[in-house]
Amino acid sequence: MATATKKQSKIKLQPLGDKIVVQREQSEEKTDGGIYLPDTAKDKPTRGTVVAVGEGRLLDNGNRAEMQVKVGDRVLFTSYAGETIEIGDEEYVLMGESEVLAVLED
């Protein structure tokens, strides 16, 4: 279990159950052709790094299912996944583990 915190902020974000907190990757500032994009024209990235995980989904027998992702994993998710949360000047996405499409490996 991990908690997402902002260094200058005292706010802690601890996901519950099978929820995770993901920090989105930065969107591209410029196209391959060299055109700079304004913020309103950028698509939100669908990749990010897991910064906090819950304890796992509660099963019918009272046990917790083991989380498939862990802190530090780079993940791919849909653009409609989760709830966007801002802590200080950082943007995070709180989503269910089932909304993760894949774990990216280098």
C-alpha atoms as a PDB file:
ATOM      1  CA  MET A   1       0.000   0.000   0.000  1.00  0.00           C
ATOM      2  CA  ALA A   2       1.342   3.430  -0.891  1.00  0.00           C
ATOM      3  CA  THR A   3       0.175   6.993  -0.495  1.00  0.00           C
ATOM      4  CA  ALA A   4       0.485   9.743  -3.119  1.00  0.00           C
ATOM      5  CA  THR A   5       1.799  12.948  -1.577  1.00  0.00           C
ATOM      6  CA  LYS A   6       2.962  16.283  -2.920  1.00  0.00           C
ATOM      7  CA  LYS A   7       6.301  17.434  -1.490  1.00  0.00           C
ATOM      8  CA  GLN A   8       5.145  20.968  -0.613  1.00  0.00           C
ATOM      9  CA  SER A   9       1.601  19.894   0.266  1.00  0.00           C
ATOM     10  CA  LYS A  10       0.431  18.030   3.337  1.00  0.00           C
ATOM     11  CA  ILE A  11      -2.415  16.394   1.419  1.00  0.00           C
ATOM     12  CA  LYS A  12      -2.185  12.610   1.274  1.00  0.00           C
ATOM     13  CA  LEU A  13      -4.210  10.608  -1.199  1.00  0.00           C
ATOM     14  CA  GLN A  14      -4.692   6.977  -0.138  1.00  0.00           C
ATOM     15  CA  PRO A  15      -6.822   4.950  -2.556  1.00  0.00           C
ATOM     16  CA  LEU A  16      -9.229   2.411  -1.071  1.00  0.00           C
ATOM     17  CA  GLY A  17     -10.011  -1.123  -2.219  1.00  0.00           C
ATOM     18  CA  ASP A  18      -9.009  -1.792  -5.812  1.00  0.00           C
ATOM     19  CA  LYS A  19      -8.386   1.870  -6.676  1.00  0.00           C
ATOM     20  CA  ILE A  20      -5.042   3.281  -7.846  1.00  0.00           C
ATOM     21  CA  VAL A  21      -3.582   6.769  -8.289  1.00  0.00           C
ATOM     22  CA  VAL A  22      -1.761   7.483 -11.561  1.00  0.00           C
ATOM     23  CA  GLN A  23       0.294  10.521 -12.501  1.00  0.00           C
ATOM     24  CA  ARG A  24      -0.204  11.235 -16.214  1.00  0.00           C
ATOM     25  CA  GLU A  25       2.766  11.604 -18.523  1.00  0.00           C
ATOM     26  CA  GLN A  26       3.310  15.071 -19.975  1.00  0.00           C
ATOM     27  CA  SER A  27       1.584  15.741 -23.293  1.00  0.00           C
ATOM     28  CA  GLU A  28       3.580  16.639 -26.364  1.00  0.00           C
ATOM     29  CA  GLU A  29       4.299  20.344 -26.778  1.00  0.00           C
ATOM     30  CA  LYS A  30       5.053  20.097 -30.478  1.00  0.00           C
ATOM     31  CA  THR A  31       3.953  17.911 -33.402  1.00  0.00           C
ATOM     32  CA  ASP A  32       6.353  15.846 -35.505  1.00  0.00           C
ATOM     33  CA  GLY A  33       6.116  18.594 -38.131  1.00  0.00           C
ATOM     34  CA  GLY A  34       7.369  21.207 -35.646  1.00  0.00           C
ATOM     35  CA  ILE A  35       4.071  22.945 -34.874  1.00  0.00           C
ATOM     36  CA  TYR A  36       3.646  23.991 -31.230  1.00  0.00           C
ATOM     37  CA  LEU A  37       0.278  23.064 -29.739  1.00  0.00           C
ATOM     38  CA  PRO A  38      -1.703  25.241 -27.327  1.00  0.00           C
ATOM     39  CA  ASP A  39      -3.024  23.543 -24.165  1.00  0.00           C
ATOM     40  CA  THR A  40      -6.568  23.440 -25.553  1.00  0.00           C
ATOM     41  CA  ALA A  41      -5.468  21.426 -28.616  1.00  0.00           C
ATOM     42  CA  LYS A  42      -3.520  18.770 -26.704  1.00  0.00           C
ATOM     43  CA  ASP A  43      -4.986  15.354 -26.040  1.00  0.00           C
ATOM     44  CA  LYS A  44      -4.600  14.175 -22.473  1.00  0.00           C
ATOM     45  CA  PRO A  45      -2.040  11.374 -22.361  1.00  0.00           C
ATOM     46  CA  THR A  46      -3.385   7.886 -21.721  1.00  0.00           C
ATOM     47  CA  ARG A  47      -0.156   6.739 -20.105  1.00  0.00           C
ATOM     48  CA  GLY A  48       1.135   7.332 -16.651  1.00  0.00           C
ATOM     49  CA  THR A  49       2.981   6.043 -13.610  1.00  0.00           C
ATOM     50  CA  VAL A  50       1.246   4.417 -10.647  1.00  0.00           C
ATOM     51  CA  VAL A  51       2.012   6.462  -7.506  1.00  0.00           C
ATOM     52  CA  ALA A  52      -0.317   4.776  -4.992  1.00  0.00           C
ATOM     53  CA  VAL A  53      -2.386   1.590  -4.756  1.00  0.00           C
ATOM     54  CA  GLY A  54      -5.199   0.399  -2.524  1.00  0.00           C
ATOM     55  CA  GLU A  55      -5.252  -2.829  -0.535  1.00  0.00           C
ATOM     56  CA  GLY A  56      -7.127  -4.804  -3.202  1.00  0.00           C
ATOM     57  CA  ARG A  57     -10.711  -5.704  -3.978  1.00  0.00           C
ATOM     58  CA  LEU A  58     -12.663  -7.260  -1.115  1.00  0.00           C
ATOM     59  CA  LEU A  59     -13.775 -10.774  -2.090  1.00  0.00           C
ATOM     60  CA  ASP A  60     -17.004 -12.496  -1.012  1.00  0.00           C
ATOM     61  CA  ASN A  61     -15.087 -14.663   1.472  1.00  0.00           C
ATOM     62  CA  GLY A  62     -13.673 -11.594   3.260  1.00  0.00           C
ATOM     63  CA  ASN A  63     -10.148 -11.834   1.810  1.00  0.00           C
ATOM     64  CA  ARG A  64      -8.543  -9.199  -0.391  1.00  0.00           C
ATOM     65  CA  ALA A  65      -7.528  -9.895  -3.995  1.00  0.00           C
ATOM     66  CA  GLU A  66      -3.892  -9.116  -4.733  1.00  0.00           C
ATOM     67  CA  MET A  67      -3.346  -5.993  -6.833  1.00  0.00           C
ATOM     68  CA  GLN A  68      -1.927  -6.642 -10.307  1.00  0.00           C
ATOM     69  CA  VAL A  69      -0.185  -3.253 -10.512  1.00  0.00           C
ATOM     70  CA  LYS A  70       2.307  -1.782  -8.091  1.00  0.00           C
ATOM     71  CA  VAL A  71       3.792   1.624  -7.372  1.00  0.00           C
ATOM     72  CA  GLY A  72       6.210   2.601 -10.139  1.00  0.00           C
ATOM     73  CA  ASP A  73       4.490   0.640 -12.935  1.00  0.00           C
ATOM     74  CA  ARG A  74       3.946   2.543 -16.184  1.00  0.00           C
ATOM     75  CA  VAL A  75       0.391   1.867 -17.335  1.00  0.00           C
ATOM     76  CA  LEU A  76      -1.857   2.463 -20.333  1.00  0.00           C
ATOM     77  CA  PHE A  77      -5.510   3.434 -19.759  1.00  0.00           C
ATOM     78  CA  THR A  78      -8.424   4.880 -21.714  1.00  0.00           C
ATOM     79  CA  SER A  79      -8.870   8.634 -21.998  1.00  0.00           C
ATOM     80  CA  TYR A  80     -12.152   8.367 -20.059  1.00  0.00           C
ATOM     81  CA  ALA A  81     -10.690   6.393 -17.147  1.00  0.00           C
ATOM     82  CA  GLY A  82     -10.987   7.583 -13.577  1.00  0.00           C
ATOM     83  CA  GLU A  83     -11.431  10.926 -11.897  1.00  0.00           C
ATOM     84  CA  THR A  84      -8.879  13.733 -12.367  1.00  0.00           C
ATOM     85  CA  ILE A  85      -7.594  15.228  -9.116  1.00  0.00           C
ATOM     86  CA  GLU A  86      -5.257  18.194  -8.682  1.00  0.00           C
ATOM     87  CA  ILE A  87      -2.925  18.406  -5.701  1.00  0.00           C
ATOM     88  CA  GLY A  88      -0.901  21.597  -5.799  1.00  0.00           C
ATOM     89  CA  ASP A  89       0.220  21.983  -9.411  1.00  0.00           C
ATOM     90  CA  GLU A  90       0.264  18.226 -10.115  1.00  0.00           C
ATOM     91  CA  GLU A  91      -2.561  16.325 -11.801  1.00  0.00           C
ATOM     92  CA  TYR A  92      -3.417  12.748 -10.816  1.00  0.00           C
ATOM     93  CA  VAL A  93      -6.025  10.249 -11.977  1.00  0.00           C
ATOM     94  CA  LEU A  94      -7.871   8.117  -9.411  1.00  0.00           C
ATOM     95  CA  MET A  95      -9.189   4.984 -11.128  1.00  0.00           C
ATOM     96  CA  GLY A  96     -10.127   1.398 -10.556  1.00  0.00           C
ATOM     97  CA  GLU A  97      -7.485  -1.209 -11.288  1.00  0.00           C
ATOM     98  CA  SER A  98      -9.841  -2.708 -13.888  1.00  0.00           C
ATOM     99  CA  GLU A  99      -9.573   0.515 -15.943  1.00  0.00           C
ATOM    100  CA  VAL A 100      -5.875  -0.189 -16.622  1.00  0.00           C
ATOM    101  CA  LEU A 101      -5.507  -1.695 -20.091  1.00  0.00           C
ATOM    102  CA  ALA A 102      -1.864  -2.762 -19.864  1.00  0.00           C
ATOM    103  CA  VAL A 103       1.386  -2.392 -17.954  1.00  0.00           C
ATOM    104  CA  LEU A 104       4.155  -0.949 -20.163  1.00  0.00           C
ATOM    105  CA  GLU A 105       7.544  -2.615 -19.908  1.00  0.00           C
ATOM    106  CA  ASP A 106      10.795  -1.219 -21.292  1.00  0.00           C
END
